[in-house]
Amino acid sequence: MNFLLGLVAGALIAAIATIAAARDPGVQTALGLRPAAPLPMTAPAPTRPEKPCVAATPVPPGVGSPDMLLSRRRFWSVAP
């Protein structure tokens, strides 16, 4: 009985993994189920230089310090 249950469970896992893999477009192309996408014949569009990210709000002091997680005050000030 254990052998049969294991066989059924293994078959279900294999079937689900096969279906999940076959839904991936890359796998479909590799198996020949979908033709490969043709390469575009046009030149790529010029890209704009990216601006550096600027924080919208200032970071409050103490953010990222170990005291945030391990502070005794934090453990004793928890409201019910």
N, C-alpha and C. Protein backbone atom coordinates (compact mmCIF):
# COMPACT_ATOMS: atom_id res chain seq x y z
N MET A 1 0.83 -1.19 0.00
CA MET A 1 0.00 0.00 0.00
C MET A 1 0.88 1.26 0.00
N ASN A 2 1.96 1.25 0.79
CA ASN A 2 2.86 2.40 0.81
C ASN A 2 3.47 2.65 -0.57
N PHE A 3 3.79 1.54 -1.26
CA PHE A 3 4.36 1.69 -2.60
C PHE A 3 3.37 2.37 -3.54
N LEU A 4 2.13 1.98 -3.49
CA LEU A 4 1.13 2.57 -4.38
C LEU A 4 0.89 4.04 -4.05
N LEU A 5 0.82 4.37 -2.76
CA LEU A 5 0.64 5.77 -2.38
C LEU A 5 1.83 6.61 -2.81
N GLY A 6 3.02 6.09 -2.64
CA GLY A 6 4.22 6.81 -3.08
C GLY A 6 4.27 6.97 -4.58
N LEU A 7 3.82 5.93 -5.29
CA LEU A 7 3.79 5.99 -6.75
C LEU A 7 2.81 7.06 -7.23
N VAL A 8 1.64 7.12 -6.63
CA VAL A 8 0.65 8.11 -7.00
C VAL A 8 1.14 9.52 -6.66
N ALA A 9 1.73 9.69 -5.48
CA ALA A 9 2.24 11.00 -5.08
C ALA A 9 3.36 11.45 -6.02
N GLY A 10 4.26 10.55 -6.35
CA GLY A 10 5.36 10.88 -7.27
C GLY A 10 4.85 11.25 -8.64
N ALA A 11 3.84 10.51 -9.12
CA ALA A 11 3.27 10.81 -10.43
C ALA A 11 2.59 12.19 -10.43
N LEU A 12 1.91 12.53 -9.35
CA LEU A 12 1.27 13.85 -9.27
C LEU A 12 2.31 14.97 -9.25
N ILE A 13 3.37 14.77 -8.50
CA ILE A 13 4.42 15.79 -8.43
C ILE A 13 5.08 15.95 -9.80
N ALA A 14 5.37 14.83 -10.48
CA ALA A 14 5.98 14.90 -11.80
C ALA A 14 5.05 15.58 -12.81
N ALA A 15 3.76 15.28 -12.73
CA ALA A 15 2.81 15.88 -13.66
C ALA A 15 2.72 17.39 -13.44
N ILE A 16 2.65 17.81 -12.19
CA ILE A 16 2.55 19.25 -11.89
C ILE A 16 3.82 19.97 -12.32
N ALA A 17 4.99 19.37 -12.07
CA ALA A 17 6.25 19.99 -12.48
C ALA A 17 6.34 20.08 -13.99
N THR A 18 5.88 19.06 -14.70
CA THR A 18 5.92 19.08 -16.17
C THR A 18 5.00 20.16 -16.72
N ILE A 19 3.80 20.26 -16.18
CA ILE A 19 2.87 21.28 -16.65
C ILE A 19 3.41 22.68 -16.35
N ALA A 20 3.98 22.87 -15.18
CA ALA A 20 4.53 24.19 -14.83
C ALA A 20 5.69 24.55 -15.75
N ALA A 21 6.54 23.57 -16.07
CA ALA A 21 7.67 23.86 -16.95
C ALA A 21 7.21 24.12 -18.37
N ALA A 22 6.19 23.39 -18.83
CA ALA A 22 5.72 23.55 -20.20
C ALA A 22 5.00 24.88 -20.41
N ARG A 23 4.58 25.54 -19.35
CA ARG A 23 3.92 26.84 -19.47
C ARG A 23 4.93 27.97 -19.63
N ASP A 24 6.22 27.70 -19.37
CA ASP A 24 7.25 28.72 -19.48
C ASP A 24 7.59 28.95 -20.96
N PRO A 25 7.55 30.19 -21.44
CA PRO A 25 7.82 30.45 -22.86
C PRO A 25 9.22 30.00 -23.29
N GLY A 26 10.20 30.10 -22.41
CA GLY A 26 11.55 29.65 -22.76
C GLY A 26 11.61 28.16 -22.99
N VAL A 27 10.90 27.40 -22.17
CA VAL A 27 10.87 25.95 -22.33
C VAL A 27 10.10 25.59 -23.60
N GLN A 28 9.03 26.30 -23.88
CA GLN A 28 8.25 26.04 -25.09
C GLN A 28 9.10 26.27 -26.33
N THR A 29 9.91 27.32 -26.31
CA THR A 29 10.78 27.60 -27.45
C THR A 29 11.85 26.52 -27.58
N ALA A 30 12.42 26.08 -26.45
CA ALA A 30 13.45 25.05 -26.49
C ALA A 30 12.90 23.72 -26.99
N LEU A 31 11.64 23.42 -26.68
CA LEU A 31 11.04 22.17 -27.12
C LEU A 31 10.50 22.27 -28.55
N GLY A 32 10.49 23.46 -29.12
CA GLY A 32 9.99 23.64 -30.47
C GLY A 32 8.49 23.80 -30.53
N LEU A 33 7.84 24.03 -29.41
CA LEU A 33 6.40 24.21 -29.40
C LEU A 33 6.00 25.61 -29.85
N ARG A 34 6.92 26.56 -29.75
CA ARG A 34 6.66 27.94 -30.13
C ARG A 34 7.87 28.42 -30.93
N PRO A 35 7.64 29.08 -32.06
CA PRO A 35 8.79 29.56 -32.84
C PRO A 35 9.53 30.65 -32.07
N ALA A 36 10.82 30.71 -32.31
CA ALA A 36 11.65 31.72 -31.65
C ALA A 36 11.24 33.10 -32.16
N ALA A 37 11.30 34.07 -31.29
CA ALA A 37 10.94 35.44 -31.67
C ALA A 37 11.99 35.98 -32.64
N PRO A 38 11.54 36.59 -33.73
CA PRO A 38 12.52 37.14 -34.69
C PRO A 38 13.22 38.35 -34.08
N LEU A 39 14.46 38.53 -34.46
CA LEU A 39 15.22 39.67 -33.97
C LEU A 39 14.75 40.93 -34.69
N PRO A 40 14.61 42.03 -33.98
CA PRO A 40 14.17 43.27 -34.64
C PRO A 40 15.25 43.79 -35.59
N MET A 41 14.82 44.32 -36.73
CA MET A 41 15.75 44.82 -37.73
C MET A 41 16.07 46.30 -37.53
N THR A 42 15.42 46.94 -36.58
CA THR A 42 15.65 48.37 -36.36
C THR A 42 16.74 48.55 -35.31
N ALA A 43 17.34 49.70 -35.35
CA ALA A 43 18.37 50.03 -34.37
C ALA A 43 17.70 50.31 -33.02
N PRO A 44 18.36 49.98 -31.94
CA PRO A 44 17.76 50.26 -30.64
C PRO A 44 17.62 51.76 -30.41
N ALA A 45 16.59 52.13 -29.70
CA ALA A 45 16.33 53.54 -29.42
C ALA A 45 17.39 54.07 -28.47
N PRO A 46 17.81 55.31 -28.67
CA PRO A 46 18.81 55.88 -27.75
C PRO A 46 18.21 56.02 -26.35
N THR A 47 19.02 55.77 -25.37
CA THR A 47 18.55 55.84 -23.99
C THR A 47 18.99 57.15 -23.36
N ARG A 48 18.15 57.63 -22.45
CA ARG A 48 18.49 58.85 -21.72
C ARG A 48 19.39 58.47 -20.55
N PRO A 49 20.29 59.36 -20.18
CA PRO A 49 21.09 59.08 -18.98
C PRO A 49 20.20 59.12 -17.75
N GLU A 50 20.40 58.17 -16.87
CA GLU A 50 19.56 58.10 -15.67
C GLU A 50 20.02 59.13 -14.64
N LYS A 51 19.03 59.73 -13.99
CA LYS A 51 19.33 60.68 -12.93
C LYS A 51 19.54 59.90 -11.64
N PRO A 52 20.42 60.39 -10.77
CA PRO A 52 20.62 59.68 -9.50
C PRO A 52 19.37 59.77 -8.63
N CYS A 53 19.12 58.72 -7.89
CA CYS A 53 17.96 58.67 -7.01
C CYS A 53 18.16 59.62 -5.84
N VAL A 54 17.15 60.40 -5.55
CA VAL A 54 17.19 61.32 -4.42
C VAL A 54 16.08 60.90 -3.47
N ALA A 55 16.40 60.76 -2.20
CA ALA A 55 15.40 60.36 -1.22
C ALA A 55 14.35 61.46 -1.10
N ALA A 56 13.07 61.07 -1.17
CA ALA A 56 12.00 62.05 -1.08
C ALA A 56 11.84 62.57 0.34
N THR A 57 12.04 61.69 1.31
CA THR A 57 11.92 62.11 2.70
C THR A 57 13.24 61.82 3.41
N PRO A 58 13.63 62.68 4.31
CA PRO A 58 14.88 62.42 5.03
C PRO A 58 14.73 61.19 5.93
N VAL A 59 15.83 60.48 6.08
CA VAL A 59 15.84 59.29 6.93
C VAL A 59 15.95 59.72 8.39
N PRO A 60 15.04 59.25 9.25
CA PRO A 60 15.13 59.64 10.65
C PRO A 60 16.40 59.07 11.29
N PRO A 61 16.93 59.76 12.29
CA PRO A 61 18.16 59.28 12.91
C PRO A 61 17.93 57.94 13.61
N GLY A 62 18.92 57.11 13.55
CA GLY A 62 18.84 55.81 14.22
C GLY A 62 18.33 54.69 13.33
N VAL A 63 17.88 55.00 12.12
CA VAL A 63 17.38 53.95 11.24
C VAL A 63 18.56 53.13 10.75
N GLY A 64 18.45 51.83 10.89
CA GLY A 64 19.51 50.93 10.45
C GLY A 64 20.52 50.59 11.54
N SER A 65 20.32 51.11 12.72
CA SER A 65 21.26 50.80 13.80
C SER A 65 20.81 49.52 14.51
N PRO A 66 21.75 48.80 15.13
CA PRO A 66 21.37 47.59 15.87
C PRO A 66 20.43 47.87 17.03
N ASP A 67 20.41 49.12 17.50
CA ASP A 67 19.55 49.47 18.62
C ASP A 67 18.07 49.38 18.25
N MET A 68 17.77 49.40 16.95
CA MET A 68 16.37 49.29 16.52
C MET A 68 15.77 47.94 16.92
N LEU A 69 16.56 46.88 16.80
CA LEU A 69 16.05 45.55 17.08
C LEU A 69 16.31 45.10 18.52
N LEU A 70 17.42 45.53 19.07
CA LEU A 70 17.86 44.99 20.35
C LEU A 70 17.75 45.98 21.50
N SER A 71 16.87 46.93 21.40
CA SER A 71 16.75 47.93 22.44
C SER A 71 15.87 47.39 23.58
N ARG A 72 16.32 47.56 24.82
CA ARG A 72 15.53 47.12 25.98
C ARG A 72 14.26 47.97 26.12
N ARG A 73 14.38 49.23 25.79
CA ARG A 73 13.24 50.13 25.88
C ARG A 73 12.11 49.65 24.96
N ARG A 74 12.47 49.14 23.80
CA ARG A 74 11.46 48.67 22.85
C ARG A 74 10.71 47.47 23.39
N PHE A 75 11.41 46.55 24.04
CA PHE A 75 10.76 45.35 24.55
C PHE A 75 9.80 45.67 25.71
N TRP A 76 10.14 46.67 26.53
CA TRP A 76 9.32 46.95 27.69
C TRP A 76 8.22 47.96 27.41
N SER A 77 8.24 48.61 26.22
CA SER A 77 7.22 49.60 25.96
C SER A 77 6.14 49.09 25.01
N VAL A 78 5.99 47.80 24.91
CA VAL A 78 4.98 47.23 24.01
C VAL A 78 3.62 47.32 24.70
N ALA A 79 2.68 47.98 24.04
CA ALA A 79 1.33 48.11 24.61
C ALA A 79 0.50 46.88 24.23
N PRO A 80 -0.38 46.44 25.14
CA PRO A 80 -1.20 45.26 24.81
C PRO A 80 -2.27 45.58 23.79
